[in-house]
């Protein structure tokens, strides 16, 4: 049995870039993501969530800013 889901064009583009082989279905990609999500180490998950929180709060530095700073030193 199948169902239809609604995703943004941006999400679809991301899924397209995740295809490893031609003909890989979105279902296979999503299954791989779910499997990875379910098997992540709990400590890694905590660190990942902490990093996401820092990003949302603007506590990150862009790569270009780091690169510029290193060039000036």
Protein backbone atom coordinates (compact mmCIF):
# COMPACT_ATOMS: atom_id res chain seq x y z
CA UNK A 1 0.00 0.00 0.00
CA UNK A 2 1.30 3.44 -0.89
CA UNK A 3 0.49 6.98 0.16
CA UNK A 4 1.38 10.41 -1.10
CA UNK A 5 3.28 12.96 0.98
CA UNK A 6 3.70 16.65 0.32
CA UNK A 7 7.26 18.02 0.47
CA UNK A 8 8.78 21.29 -0.65
CA UNK A 9 10.76 21.52 -3.86
CA UNK A 10 13.82 22.25 -1.73
CA UNK A 11 13.37 19.00 0.21
CA UNK A 12 12.86 17.10 -3.05
CA UNK A 13 16.08 18.62 -4.40
CA UNK A 14 17.96 17.51 -1.29
CA UNK A 15 16.57 13.99 -1.65
CA UNK A 16 17.62 14.01 -5.31
CA UNK A 17 21.22 14.81 -4.31
CA UNK A 18 21.17 11.93 -1.83
CA UNK A 19 20.56 9.34 -4.53
CA UNK A 20 23.55 7.02 -4.70
CA UNK A 21 22.60 5.12 -7.85
CA UNK A 22 20.31 5.90 -10.77
CA UNK A 23 16.88 4.49 -10.20
CA UNK A 24 17.08 4.73 -6.41
CA UNK A 25 13.62 5.57 -5.13
CA UNK A 26 12.67 8.25 -2.64
CA UNK A 27 11.35 5.46 -0.44
CA UNK A 28 14.81 3.86 -0.32
CA UNK A 29 16.42 7.18 0.56
CA UNK A 30 13.88 7.87 3.30
CA UNK A 31 14.28 4.32 4.68
CA UNK A 32 18.06 4.87 4.89
CA UNK A 33 17.51 8.16 6.72
CA UNK A 34 15.11 6.53 9.16
CA UNK A 35 17.53 3.67 9.79
CA UNK A 36 20.37 6.12 10.42
CA UNK A 37 18.17 8.15 12.75
CA UNK A 38 17.15 5.11 14.77
CA UNK A 39 20.70 3.80 15.15
CA UNK A 40 22.50 7.00 16.16
CA UNK A 41 24.36 6.88 19.44
CA UNK A 42 22.38 8.75 22.16
CA UNK A 43 25.39 10.93 23.06
CA UNK A 44 25.87 11.85 19.42
CA UNK A 45 22.17 12.75 19.23
CA UNK A 46 22.56 15.06 22.26
CA UNK A 47 25.55 16.78 20.70
CA UNK A 48 23.73 17.15 17.40
CA UNK A 49 20.71 18.71 19.09
CA UNK A 50 22.97 21.08 21.04
CA UNK A 51 24.63 22.12 17.78
CA UNK A 52 21.25 22.69 16.13
CA UNK A 53 20.20 24.86 19.08
CA UNK A 54 23.39 26.94 18.79
CA UNK A 55 22.75 27.38 15.08
CA UNK A 56 19.14 28.50 15.65
CA UNK A 57 20.35 30.98 18.28
CA UNK A 58 22.96 32.41 15.92
CA UNK A 59 25.91 31.20 17.97
CA UNK A 60 27.83 29.93 14.96
CA UNK A 61 30.51 31.42 12.73
CA UNK A 62 30.38 31.00 8.97
CA UNK A 63 33.21 29.34 7.09
CA UNK A 64 33.82 32.53 5.11
CA UNK A 65 34.20 34.52 8.36
CA UNK A 66 36.74 32.03 9.71
CA UNK A 67 38.60 32.07 6.40
CA UNK A 68 38.70 35.89 6.39
CA UNK A 69 39.94 35.97 9.98
CA UNK A 70 42.73 33.50 9.22
CA UNK A 71 43.83 35.50 6.19
CA UNK A 72 44.11 38.65 8.29
CA UNK A 73 46.35 37.01 10.88
